[in-house]
Amino acid sequence: TSVFDDLFDYMNSLKRIRKLIVDSKNSTPLPVRDSNVTSSEESIVCPQQIHTIYPGHGPVICESALEKIDEYIMHRDAREQQILRLLGLDCSSQ
């Protein structure tokens, strides 16, 4: 279970983590650029492939970081759709 104040910010953070993992698979370290990064923030360079993530609670996720982040994103998207359907605001066709 996750508790967060803003679903938009939470989803963006998951997407940024996903991008870091995907970019880390490049053979040459590349700066990570994100439209949500302000000019005052430094670009992040991934010197090695990311396989492990360390959640705020629960076990360390080894060797399957990308799959776990994708699982989190899909789960949150599904929960959002459930809430919208409950409220009569089904946006799945958009």
Foldseek 3Di string as FASTA:
>chain_A
DDDDDDPVVVLVVLVQVLQLQVQQPDPCWDFDDDPPDDPPDDTDTNRHHDQWDDDPDDDIRGRHVNVVSVVVNVVSVVVVQVVCVVVVNRPVVD
